[in-house]
Each structure stands twice: as structure tokens, then as C-alpha cells.
N, C-alpha and C. Protein backbone atom coordinates (compact mmCIF):
# COMPACT_ATOMS: atom_id res chain seq x y z
N MET A 1 140.59 172.34 55.80
CA MET A 1 141.34 172.15 56.85
C MET A 1 141.80 170.61 57.03
N ILE A 2 143.04 170.51 57.03
CA ILE A 2 143.52 169.17 57.21
C ILE A 2 143.68 168.83 58.75
N ARG A 3 143.20 167.77 59.26
CA ARG A 3 143.19 167.39 60.74
C ARG A 3 144.15 166.34 60.86
N LEU A 4 145.28 166.69 61.66
CA LEU A 4 146.17 165.57 61.83
C LEU A 4 146.55 165.54 63.34
N THR A 5 146.89 164.18 63.88
CA THR A 5 147.25 163.83 65.18
C THR A 5 148.89 163.63 65.04
N LEU A 6 149.64 164.16 66.04
CA LEU A 6 150.97 164.03 66.22
C LEU A 6 151.38 163.35 67.52
N TYR A 7 151.81 162.01 67.47
CA TYR A 7 152.23 161.51 68.65
C TYR A 7 153.61 162.00 68.90
N THR A 8 153.95 162.73 70.11
CA THR A 8 155.05 163.34 70.29
C THR A 8 155.53 163.23 71.70
N THR A 9 156.59 163.76 72.18
CA THR A 9 157.06 163.85 73.53
C THR A 9 157.75 165.27 73.63
N GLU A 10 157.73 165.78 74.80
CA GLU A 10 158.36 167.02 74.93
C GLU A 10 159.77 167.21 74.51
N GLY A 11 160.23 168.22 73.87
CA GLY A 11 161.46 168.51 73.31
C GLY A 11 161.90 167.70 72.22
N CYS A 12 160.88 166.99 71.54
CA CYS A 12 161.25 166.10 70.30
C CYS A 12 161.60 167.08 69.11
N HIS A 13 162.76 167.09 68.70
CA HIS A 13 163.24 168.03 67.58
C HIS A 13 162.78 167.42 66.15
N LEU A 14 162.66 166.18 66.20
CA LEU A 14 162.16 165.48 64.99
C LEU A 14 160.67 165.64 64.76
N CYS A 15 159.87 165.82 65.82
CA CYS A 15 158.54 166.27 65.85
C CYS A 15 158.42 167.51 65.26
N ALA A 16 159.17 168.52 65.80
CA ALA A 16 159.23 169.88 65.27
C ALA A 16 159.51 169.95 63.88
N GLU A 17 160.50 169.29 63.37
CA GLU A 17 160.84 169.23 61.97
C GLU A 17 159.73 168.56 61.15
N LEU A 18 159.09 167.63 61.59
CA LEU A 18 158.05 167.03 60.82
C LEU A 18 156.84 168.05 60.74
N GLU A 19 156.45 168.77 61.75
CA GLU A 19 155.47 169.75 61.68
C GLU A 19 155.87 170.73 60.60
N ALA A 20 156.97 171.34 60.70
CA ALA A 20 157.45 172.25 59.68
C ALA A 20 157.36 171.75 58.31
N ARG A 21 157.80 170.55 58.13
CA ARG A 21 157.73 169.99 56.79
C ARG A 21 156.31 169.86 56.38
N VAL A 22 155.41 169.37 57.20
CA VAL A 22 153.96 169.19 56.81
C VAL A 22 153.43 170.56 56.37
N ALA A 23 153.75 171.68 57.15
CA ALA A 23 153.35 172.95 56.88
C ALA A 23 153.70 173.48 55.63
N ALA A 24 154.84 173.18 55.34
CA ALA A 24 155.58 173.61 54.02
C ALA A 24 154.95 172.86 52.78
N LEU A 25 154.58 171.61 52.99
CA LEU A 25 154.19 170.74 51.78
C LEU A 25 152.58 170.58 51.68
N THR A 26 151.99 171.18 52.57
CA THR A 26 150.29 170.84 52.30
C THR A 26 149.73 171.93 51.65
N LEU A 27 148.72 171.58 50.83
CA LEU A 27 147.80 172.62 50.12
C LEU A 27 147.00 173.51 51.00
N ARG A 28 146.52 172.79 52.20
CA ARG A 28 145.58 173.58 53.08
C ARG A 28 146.10 173.69 54.44
N PRO A 29 145.61 174.56 55.23
CA PRO A 29 146.14 174.59 56.52
C PRO A 29 145.94 173.45 57.41
N VAL A 30 146.68 173.22 58.58
CA VAL A 30 146.67 171.94 59.24
C VAL A 30 146.13 172.37 60.57
N ALA A 31 145.30 171.60 61.20
CA ALA A 31 144.81 171.59 62.50
C ALA A 31 145.47 170.49 63.18
N TRP A 32 146.40 170.76 64.26
CA TRP A 32 147.08 169.88 64.98
C TRP A 32 146.55 169.29 66.21
N GLN A 33 146.52 168.06 66.48
CA GLN A 33 146.21 167.52 67.82
C GLN A 33 147.54 166.79 68.16
N ARG A 34 148.13 167.36 69.33
CA ARG A 34 149.39 166.78 69.80
C ARG A 34 149.12 165.92 70.89
N VAL A 35 149.59 164.69 70.89
CA VAL A 35 149.43 163.69 71.98
C VAL A 35 150.69 163.31 72.51
N GLU A 36 150.83 163.65 73.86
CA GLU A 36 152.07 163.40 74.60
C GLU A 36 152.07 161.97 75.00
N VAL A 37 153.07 161.24 74.47
CA VAL A 37 152.97 159.75 74.73
C VAL A 37 153.67 159.45 76.02
N SER A 38 154.49 160.21 76.67
CA SER A 38 155.24 159.90 77.83
C SER A 38 154.23 159.87 79.05
N GLU A 39 153.07 160.52 78.90
CA GLU A 39 151.97 160.54 80.08
C GLU A 39 151.06 159.34 80.04
N ASP A 40 151.31 158.45 79.11
CA ASP A 40 150.42 157.20 79.14
C ASP A 40 151.21 156.05 78.87
N GLU A 41 151.16 155.13 79.62
CA GLU A 41 152.03 153.83 79.48
C GLU A 41 151.70 153.07 78.24
N THR A 42 150.42 152.98 77.78
CA THR A 42 149.97 152.35 76.68
C THR A 42 150.41 152.96 75.36
N LEU A 43 150.36 154.31 75.42
CA LEU A 43 150.90 155.15 74.22
C LEU A 43 152.36 155.10 74.17
N LEU A 44 153.03 155.15 75.36
CA LEU A 44 154.45 155.08 75.51
C LEU A 44 154.90 153.72 74.87
N ALA A 45 154.26 152.61 75.19
CA ALA A 45 154.70 151.18 74.64
C ALA A 45 154.45 151.11 73.18
N ARG A 46 153.26 151.82 72.77
CA ARG A 46 153.01 151.69 71.33
C ARG A 46 153.94 152.65 70.49
N TYR A 47 154.10 153.80 70.92
CA TYR A 47 154.86 154.88 69.99
C TYR A 47 156.18 155.33 70.56
N GLY A 48 156.58 155.03 71.72
CA GLY A 48 157.70 155.55 72.29
C GLY A 48 159.14 155.47 71.44
N GLU A 49 159.25 154.38 70.86
CA GLU A 49 160.56 154.28 69.99
C GLU A 49 160.18 154.65 68.50
N HIS A 50 159.02 155.09 68.28
CA HIS A 50 158.63 155.36 66.81
C HIS A 50 158.39 156.95 66.56
N ILE A 51 158.38 157.78 67.52
CA ILE A 51 157.99 159.07 67.43
C ILE A 51 158.95 159.86 66.49
N PRO A 52 158.61 160.67 65.75
CA PRO A 52 157.33 161.21 65.60
C PRO A 52 156.25 160.23 64.66
N VAL A 53 155.01 160.15 65.25
CA VAL A 53 154.05 159.46 64.55
C VAL A 53 152.89 160.36 64.05
N LEU A 54 152.57 160.50 62.85
CA LEU A 54 151.54 161.34 62.27
C LEU A 54 150.36 160.46 61.87
N ALA A 55 149.23 160.81 62.23
CA ALA A 55 147.95 160.08 61.87
C ALA A 55 146.96 161.04 61.29
N ASP A 56 146.22 160.57 60.34
CA ASP A 56 145.30 161.32 59.79
C ASP A 56 144.05 160.93 60.51
N GLU A 57 142.82 161.64 60.06
CA GLU A 57 141.51 161.45 60.72
C GLU A 57 141.02 160.03 60.70
N ALA A 58 141.43 159.18 59.74
CA ALA A 58 140.94 157.82 59.64
C ALA A 58 142.02 156.94 60.55
N GLY A 59 142.95 157.48 61.10
CA GLY A 59 143.83 156.73 61.77
C GLY A 59 145.03 156.10 61.12
N ARG A 60 145.07 156.40 59.85
CA ARG A 60 146.27 155.72 59.16
C ARG A 60 147.62 156.64 59.54
N GLU A 61 148.66 155.84 59.80
CA GLU A 61 149.72 156.51 60.38
C GLU A 61 150.97 156.46 59.55
N LEU A 62 151.70 157.45 59.71
CA LEU A 62 153.13 157.47 59.25
C LEU A 62 154.15 157.53 60.42
N ALA A 63 154.77 156.37 60.70
CA ALA A 63 155.48 156.24 61.99
C ALA A 63 157.03 156.46 61.68
N GLY A 64 157.64 157.22 62.58
CA GLY A 64 159.03 157.29 62.76
C GLY A 64 159.85 157.72 61.49
N SER A 65 159.21 158.44 60.52
CA SER A 65 159.86 158.95 59.46
C SER A 65 159.54 160.31 59.09
N ILE A 66 160.63 161.10 59.11
CA ILE A 66 160.49 162.47 58.62
C ILE A 66 161.20 162.66 57.37
N GLU A 67 161.55 161.59 56.71
CA GLU A 67 162.34 161.62 55.35
C GLU A 67 161.21 162.23 54.49
N LEU A 68 161.66 163.22 53.53
CA LEU A 68 160.75 163.75 52.63
C LEU A 68 160.12 162.81 51.72
N VAL A 69 160.76 161.83 51.25
CA VAL A 69 160.24 160.87 50.33
C VAL A 69 158.92 160.16 50.86
N HIS A 70 159.04 159.72 52.19
CA HIS A 70 158.02 159.05 52.86
C HIS A 70 156.78 159.98 53.17
N LEU A 71 157.21 161.13 53.64
CA LEU A 71 156.18 162.15 54.02
C LEU A 71 155.44 162.61 52.71
N SER A 72 156.07 162.89 51.67
CA SER A 72 155.69 163.37 50.47
C SER A 72 154.66 162.36 49.90
N ASP A 73 155.00 161.15 49.98
CA ASP A 73 154.20 159.91 49.42
C ASP A 73 152.93 159.79 50.33
N TRP A 74 153.07 159.97 51.60
CA TRP A 74 151.89 159.92 52.49
C TRP A 74 151.04 160.98 52.37
N LEU A 75 151.41 162.19 52.10
CA LEU A 75 150.58 163.47 51.76
C LEU A 75 149.94 163.32 50.49
N ARG A 76 150.72 162.89 49.52
CA ARG A 76 150.09 162.72 48.13
C ARG A 76 148.98 161.70 48.13
N ALA A 77 149.13 160.58 48.76
CA ALA A 77 148.14 159.56 48.78
C ALA A 77 146.75 160.13 49.39
N ARG A 78 146.83 161.33 50.09
CA ARG A 78 145.58 161.81 50.62
C ARG A 78 145.00 163.04 49.85
N GLY A 79 145.92 163.42 48.87
CA GLY A 79 145.56 164.54 47.98
C GLY A 79 145.89 165.85 48.71
N TRP A 80 146.89 165.83 49.62
CA TRP A 80 147.31 167.10 50.33
C TRP A 80 148.54 167.68 49.95
N LEU A 81 149.31 166.87 49.07
CA LEU A 81 150.66 167.28 48.76
C LEU A 81 150.69 168.61 47.83
N ASP A 82 151.34 169.57 48.08
CA ASP A 82 151.54 170.75 47.17
C ASP A 82 152.90 170.23 46.43
N GLU A 83 152.75 169.92 45.20
CA GLU A 83 153.69 169.41 44.32
C GLU A 83 154.81 170.51 44.10
N ALA A 84 154.26 171.76 43.90
CA ALA A 84 155.31 172.89 43.49
C ALA A 84 156.04 173.07 44.78
N ALA A 85 155.67 172.99 45.93
CA ALA A 85 156.26 173.25 47.22
C ALA A 85 157.35 172.13 47.28
N LEU A 86 156.97 170.88 47.02
CA LEU A 86 157.98 169.81 47.14
C LEU A 86 159.20 169.96 46.22
N GLU A 87 158.67 170.38 44.86
CA GLU A 87 159.72 170.70 43.75
C GLU A 87 160.70 171.82 44.31
N ALA A 88 160.13 172.84 44.88
CA ALA A 88 160.88 173.97 45.21
C ALA A 88 161.91 173.58 46.45
N LEU A 89 161.50 172.72 47.38
CA LEU A 89 162.32 172.16 48.55
C LEU A 89 163.42 171.39 47.93
N THR A 90 163.12 170.48 46.94
CA THR A 90 164.25 169.55 46.51
C THR A 90 165.09 170.21 45.67
N GLU A 91 164.66 171.28 44.87
CA GLU A 91 165.52 172.06 43.85
C GLU A 91 166.54 172.96 44.69
N ALA A 92 165.87 173.46 45.80
CA ALA A 92 166.84 174.35 46.56
C ALA A 92 167.66 173.72 47.36
N GLY A 93 167.72 172.46 47.45
CA GLY A 93 168.65 171.66 48.31
C GLY A 93 168.60 171.83 49.77
N THR A 94 167.35 172.33 50.21
CA THR A 94 167.09 172.68 51.56
C THR A 94 166.63 171.37 52.34
N VAL A 95 166.51 170.35 51.84
CA VAL A 95 166.17 168.99 52.44
C VAL A 95 167.39 168.35 52.86
N SER A 96 167.55 168.15 54.06
CA SER A 96 168.55 167.33 54.54
C SER A 96 168.27 166.39 55.74
N PRO A 97 168.90 165.45 55.97
CA PRO A 97 168.59 164.49 57.04
C PRO A 97 169.03 165.19 58.30
N PRO A 98 168.32 164.93 59.44
CA PRO A 98 168.54 165.45 60.66
C PRO A 98 170.04 165.18 61.15
N LYS A 99 170.67 166.22 61.67
CA LYS A 99 172.14 166.17 62.02
C LYS A 99 172.12 165.64 63.44
N GLY A 100 173.22 164.66 63.60
CA GLY A 100 173.51 164.29 65.12
C GLY A 100 172.51 163.21 65.59
N VAL A 101 171.80 162.56 64.83
CA VAL A 101 170.81 161.51 65.13
C VAL A 101 171.38 160.17 64.91
N HIS A 102 171.36 159.28 65.76
CA HIS A 102 171.68 157.85 65.38
C HIS A 102 170.79 157.00 66.11
N GLN A 103 170.82 155.69 65.73
CA GLN A 103 169.80 154.76 66.37
C GLN A 103 170.58 153.58 67.13
N ARG A 104 170.10 153.16 68.23
CA ARG A 104 170.61 151.96 68.86
C ARG A 104 169.38 151.22 69.57
N ARG A 105 169.41 149.94 69.00
CA ARG A 105 168.28 149.10 69.65
C ARG A 105 167.00 149.81 69.36
N GLY A 106 166.66 150.24 68.01
CA GLY A 106 165.50 150.74 67.59
C GLY A 106 165.09 152.25 68.22
N ARG A 107 165.93 152.72 68.94
CA ARG A 107 165.70 154.05 69.55
C ARG A 107 166.48 155.14 68.97
N ARG A 108 166.03 156.36 68.75
CA ARG A 108 166.81 157.52 68.14
C ARG A 108 167.43 158.27 69.34
N PHE A 109 168.59 158.70 69.09
CA PHE A 109 169.21 159.47 70.12
C PHE A 109 169.95 160.77 69.34
N LEU A 110 170.24 161.71 70.08
CA LEU A 110 170.93 162.87 69.61
C LEU A 110 172.40 162.83 69.96
N GLY A 111 173.26 163.48 69.24
CA GLY A 111 174.61 163.59 69.58
C GLY A 111 175.58 162.66 69.02
């Protein structure tokens, strides 16, 4: 079982997309610990502009990136990447960047 922490906030569509991609690309089941950053000022200051942030059990993080190349590299480095699933996703053309997302002053917005 892979144990991951997801620093998130309520209604984060990027976080949901990241969870779905991790589930599709990992060799083993994932046990999620979701941490709501908006309920803690320290966490909000640290992660608020970078969510989603994914952390492994050792605390190594993948911050603010749901791009397939970064996620697959992060998973591969830990021996968790299902290479066949990655190939199937990229061949099928099912991977696309999030729609309607833009950045302003380091923060992501919809619409």
C-alpha cells in the first residue's frame, strides 16, 4: 500500500484530478491522508498558493503540479509508476491540461 498525503482545500478540482491520475498510474493501491490547508494558518501560508501538494511518507513533496510528466517522474523515482498505464494514457490522448485555469501573482484561478 502506498501512503500519500494530499494538501488540499475544499472544492479543489486540481486536487481531484491529481488523485485520479495517481490512482490510474500507480502499481499498488493508495491510502490517502487529506490535509485541509485552509483550517490552519501555517499550512495556508506554506501551501495555499501551491495546492495540490502531494507528499510521500518521507515528506518528499510534489508541489503545484498535476502535469503528467512531473507526476510520472515523481512516482517513477519511488518505484510506484505503472509504465504500461502511463503509456496507455499518453497513447490514448486522454491527457490534457486542466481547462479554464490561469495564474495571477502565483495563484491559480478558474474561468
